Amino acid sequence: MTKFPASLYISINWRGRPLTDYQSVVNLIAATKTTTGLMVKARLDKKTYQRGIKVPPEELENLRIRPHKFHGEWNYTFRP
C-alpha cells in the first residue's frame, strides 16, 4: 500500500500543465497510473442529466455506501 493518496499522484501528473479545457483534464486523468500499475480510464460525458431526482431511502440502504472520514459527503466507497 502506498503512503500517498491517489489524488496526490494525479496532482503530480498535472504539475505545470495548464487546464485550459475539458479535454486537457480528461487526458491528464487518463494518463494517471497508481503505484501498483492500475490505469485510469476517462472520457468526457456531455450528456445533460435531469436534476432533482431523489433516490428512495430503502434503495440507498441497499447500495452499501461507506463514507470516508475526510469529507464523507464527497468521498465514499461502494461495497459489494
N, C-alpha and C. Protein backbone atom coordinates (compact mmCIF):
# COMPACT_ATOMS: atom_id res chain seq x y z
N MET A 1 0.85 -1.19 0.00
CA MET A 1 0.00 0.00 0.00
C MET A 1 0.88 1.25 0.00
N THR A 2 0.50 2.21 -0.77
CA THR A 2 1.26 3.45 -0.87
C THR A 2 0.99 4.35 0.33
N LYS A 3 1.95 5.19 0.66
CA LYS A 3 1.74 6.12 1.77
C LYS A 3 1.09 7.42 1.31
N PHE A 4 0.93 7.58 0.01
CA PHE A 4 0.33 8.79 -0.53
C PHE A 4 -1.03 8.48 -1.14
N PRO A 5 -2.00 9.39 -1.00
CA PRO A 5 -3.31 9.17 -1.63
C PRO A 5 -3.22 9.29 -3.15
N ALA A 6 -4.14 8.60 -3.83
CA ALA A 6 -4.16 8.63 -5.30
C ALA A 6 -4.27 10.05 -5.83
N SER A 7 -4.99 10.92 -5.12
CA SER A 7 -5.15 12.30 -5.59
C SER A 7 -3.81 13.02 -5.68
N LEU A 8 -2.85 12.64 -4.83
CA LEU A 8 -1.53 13.26 -4.89
C LEU A 8 -0.84 12.91 -6.20
N TYR A 9 -0.94 11.65 -6.62
CA TYR A 9 -0.31 11.24 -7.87
C TYR A 9 -0.96 11.94 -9.06
N ILE A 10 -2.27 12.15 -9.00
CA ILE A 10 -2.94 12.90 -10.05
C ILE A 10 -2.39 14.33 -10.07
N SER A 11 -2.24 14.94 -8.89
CA SER A 11 -1.71 16.30 -8.80
C SER A 11 -0.29 16.38 -9.35
N ILE A 12 0.54 15.37 -9.03
CA ILE A 12 1.91 15.35 -9.54
C ILE A 12 1.89 15.24 -11.06
N ASN A 13 1.01 14.42 -11.59
CA ASN A 13 0.90 14.25 -13.04
C ASN A 13 0.49 15.56 -13.72
N TRP A 14 -0.32 16.36 -13.06
CA TRP A 14 -0.82 17.61 -13.64
C TRP A 14 0.14 18.78 -13.45
N ARG A 15 1.16 18.62 -12.64
CA ARG A 15 2.03 19.73 -12.28
C ARG A 15 2.56 20.44 -13.52
N GLY A 16 2.38 21.74 -13.56
CA GLY A 16 2.92 22.54 -14.64
C GLY A 16 2.15 22.49 -15.94
N ARG A 17 1.00 21.84 -15.94
CA ARG A 17 0.21 21.75 -17.17
C ARG A 17 -1.06 22.59 -17.01
N PRO A 18 -1.29 23.52 -17.92
CA PRO A 18 -2.50 24.34 -17.80
C PRO A 18 -3.75 23.53 -18.13
N LEU A 19 -4.76 23.68 -17.32
CA LEU A 19 -6.05 23.02 -17.56
C LEU A 19 -6.94 24.01 -18.29
N THR A 20 -6.74 24.07 -19.60
CA THR A 20 -7.41 25.10 -20.40
C THR A 20 -8.77 24.69 -20.94
N ASP A 21 -9.04 23.38 -20.97
CA ASP A 21 -10.33 22.92 -21.47
C ASP A 21 -10.64 21.54 -20.89
N TYR A 22 -11.85 21.07 -21.10
CA TYR A 22 -12.27 19.77 -20.57
C TYR A 22 -11.39 18.63 -21.09
N GLN A 23 -11.04 18.67 -22.36
CA GLN A 23 -10.25 17.57 -22.93
C GLN A 23 -8.88 17.48 -22.28
N SER A 24 -8.28 18.61 -21.91
CA SER A 24 -7.00 18.59 -21.20
C SER A 24 -7.13 17.86 -19.88
N VAL A 25 -8.20 18.13 -19.16
CA VAL A 25 -8.44 17.47 -17.87
C VAL A 25 -8.64 15.97 -18.08
N VAL A 26 -9.47 15.60 -19.04
CA VAL A 26 -9.74 14.19 -19.33
C VAL A 26 -8.44 13.48 -19.70
N ASN A 27 -7.63 14.09 -20.55
CA ASN A 27 -6.36 13.47 -20.97
C ASN A 27 -5.41 13.27 -19.79
N LEU A 28 -5.34 14.25 -18.90
CA LEU A 28 -4.46 14.12 -17.75
C LEU A 28 -4.95 13.06 -16.77
N ILE A 29 -6.26 12.98 -16.57
CA ILE A 29 -6.80 11.92 -15.71
C ILE A 29 -6.50 10.56 -16.32
N ALA A 30 -6.70 10.44 -17.62
CA ALA A 30 -6.47 9.16 -18.31
C ALA A 30 -5.00 8.76 -18.30
N ALA A 31 -4.09 9.70 -18.17
CA ALA A 31 -2.66 9.40 -18.15
C ALA A 31 -2.16 9.02 -16.76
N THR A 32 -3.03 9.03 -15.77
CA THR A 32 -2.65 8.74 -14.39
C THR A 32 -2.59 7.24 -14.14
N LYS A 33 -1.55 6.80 -13.43
CA LYS A 33 -1.42 5.40 -13.01
C LYS A 33 -1.16 5.38 -11.51
N THR A 34 -1.62 4.33 -10.83
CA THR A 34 -1.31 4.18 -9.41
C THR A 34 0.07 3.57 -9.28
N THR A 35 0.59 3.55 -8.06
CA THR A 35 1.92 2.96 -7.84
C THR A 35 1.91 1.46 -8.09
N THR A 36 0.75 0.83 -8.04
CA THR A 36 0.67 -0.61 -8.31
C THR A 36 0.44 -0.89 -9.78
N GLY A 37 0.35 0.17 -10.59
CA GLY A 37 0.23 -0.01 -12.03
C GLY A 37 -1.19 0.02 -12.57
N LEU A 38 -2.17 0.27 -11.71
CA LEU A 38 -3.54 0.36 -12.21
C LEU A 38 -3.68 1.58 -13.09
N MET A 39 -4.37 1.43 -14.19
CA MET A 39 -4.57 2.52 -15.14
C MET A 39 -5.96 3.13 -14.94
N VAL A 40 -6.08 4.39 -15.26
CA VAL A 40 -7.34 5.10 -15.14
C VAL A 40 -7.90 5.32 -16.54
N LYS A 41 -9.19 5.08 -16.71
CA LYS A 41 -9.85 5.39 -17.98
C LYS A 41 -10.73 6.61 -17.75
N ALA A 42 -10.74 7.51 -18.71
CA ALA A 42 -11.54 8.73 -18.56
C ALA A 42 -12.09 9.14 -19.92
N ARG A 43 -13.29 9.68 -19.90
CA ARG A 43 -13.87 10.27 -21.11
C ARG A 43 -14.85 11.34 -20.68
N LEU A 44 -15.03 12.31 -21.52
CA LEU A 44 -15.93 13.42 -21.22
C LEU A 44 -17.36 13.02 -21.53
N ASP A 45 -18.22 13.17 -20.57
CA ASP A 45 -19.64 12.87 -20.73
C ASP A 45 -20.38 14.19 -20.92
N LYS A 46 -20.87 14.45 -22.11
CA LYS A 46 -21.56 15.71 -22.41
C LYS A 46 -23.07 15.60 -22.28
N LYS A 47 -23.55 14.45 -21.81
CA LYS A 47 -24.98 14.25 -21.67
C LYS A 47 -25.55 15.20 -20.61
N THR A 48 -26.74 15.71 -20.85
CA THR A 48 -27.44 16.54 -19.88
C THR A 48 -28.34 15.64 -19.05
N TYR A 49 -28.18 15.71 -17.74
CA TYR A 49 -28.94 14.86 -16.84
C TYR A 49 -30.04 15.66 -16.15
N GLN A 50 -31.14 15.00 -15.90
CA GLN A 50 -32.25 15.62 -15.19
C GLN A 50 -31.81 15.89 -13.75
N ARG A 51 -32.16 17.05 -13.24
CA ARG A 51 -31.79 17.44 -11.88
C ARG A 51 -32.93 17.15 -10.92
N GLY A 52 -32.58 16.99 -9.65
CA GLY A 52 -33.58 16.87 -8.61
C GLY A 52 -34.17 15.49 -8.42
N ILE A 53 -33.59 14.47 -9.05
CA ILE A 53 -34.11 13.12 -8.88
C ILE A 53 -33.72 12.61 -7.50
N LYS A 54 -34.67 12.12 -6.74
CA LYS A 54 -34.43 11.61 -5.39
C LYS A 54 -34.45 10.08 -5.40
N VAL A 55 -33.45 9.49 -4.77
CA VAL A 55 -33.39 8.04 -4.64
C VAL A 55 -34.12 7.67 -3.35
N PRO A 56 -35.05 6.70 -3.41
CA PRO A 56 -35.76 6.29 -2.20
C PRO A 56 -34.79 5.79 -1.13
N PRO A 57 -35.05 6.08 0.16
CA PRO A 57 -34.13 5.69 1.24
C PRO A 57 -33.81 4.19 1.26
N GLU A 58 -34.80 3.33 0.98
CA GLU A 58 -34.53 1.89 1.00
C GLU A 58 -33.57 1.47 -0.12
N GLU A 59 -33.62 2.19 -1.23
CA GLU A 59 -32.69 1.90 -2.33
C GLU A 59 -31.27 2.34 -1.96
N LEU A 60 -31.16 3.48 -1.28
CA LEU A 60 -29.85 3.96 -0.82
C LEU A 60 -29.23 2.98 0.18
N GLU A 61 -30.05 2.43 1.07
CA GLU A 61 -29.55 1.47 2.06
C GLU A 61 -28.97 0.24 1.38
N ASN A 62 -29.58 -0.20 0.28
CA ASN A 62 -29.12 -1.38 -0.44
C ASN A 62 -27.80 -1.14 -1.17
N LEU A 63 -27.42 0.12 -1.39
CA LEU A 63 -26.18 0.42 -2.10
C LEU A 63 -24.94 0.20 -1.24
N ARG A 64 -25.09 0.17 0.06
CA ARG A 64 -23.97 -0.03 0.99
C ARG A 64 -22.86 0.99 0.74
N ILE A 65 -23.23 2.25 0.82
CA ILE A 65 -22.27 3.35 0.64
C ILE A 65 -21.54 3.56 1.96
N ARG A 66 -20.22 3.62 1.88
CA ARG A 66 -19.40 3.83 3.08
C ARG A 66 -18.67 5.16 2.93
N PRO A 67 -19.08 6.19 3.69
CA PRO A 67 -18.41 7.49 3.58
C PRO A 67 -17.00 7.44 4.15
N HIS A 68 -16.09 8.18 3.57
CA HIS A 68 -14.72 8.27 4.07
C HIS A 68 -14.69 9.23 5.26
N LYS A 69 -13.65 9.14 6.06
CA LYS A 69 -13.52 10.02 7.23
C LYS A 69 -13.38 11.48 6.81
N PHE A 70 -12.62 11.72 5.74
CA PHE A 70 -12.40 13.08 5.26
C PHE A 70 -13.45 13.42 4.21
N HIS A 71 -14.30 14.36 4.51
CA HIS A 71 -15.36 14.81 3.60
C HIS A 71 -16.18 13.65 3.05
N GLY A 72 -16.78 12.90 3.95
CA GLY A 72 -17.61 11.75 3.57
C GLY A 72 -18.78 12.10 2.66
N GLU A 73 -19.18 13.37 2.65
CA GLU A 73 -20.27 13.78 1.75
C GLU A 73 -19.81 13.80 0.29
N TRP A 74 -18.49 13.88 0.08
CA TRP A 74 -17.94 13.88 -1.28
C TRP A 74 -17.19 12.58 -1.59
N ASN A 75 -16.54 12.02 -0.59
CA ASN A 75 -15.67 10.85 -0.79
C ASN A 75 -16.29 9.63 -0.13
N TYR A 76 -16.52 8.61 -0.92
CA TYR A 76 -17.18 7.41 -0.39
C TYR A 76 -16.81 6.20 -1.23
N THR A 77 -17.08 5.03 -0.68
CA THR A 77 -16.81 3.76 -1.36
C THR A 77 -18.09 2.95 -1.39
N PHE A 78 -18.36 2.31 -2.53
CA PHE A 78 -19.47 1.38 -2.64
C PHE A 78 -18.95 -0.01 -2.32
N ARG A 79 -19.62 -0.71 -1.43
CA ARG A 79 -19.23 -2.08 -1.08
C ARG A 79 -20.14 -3.06 -1.80
N PRO A 80 -19.59 -4.21 -2.25
CA PRO A 80 -20.43 -5.23 -2.93
C PRO A 80 -21.42 -5.88 -1.97
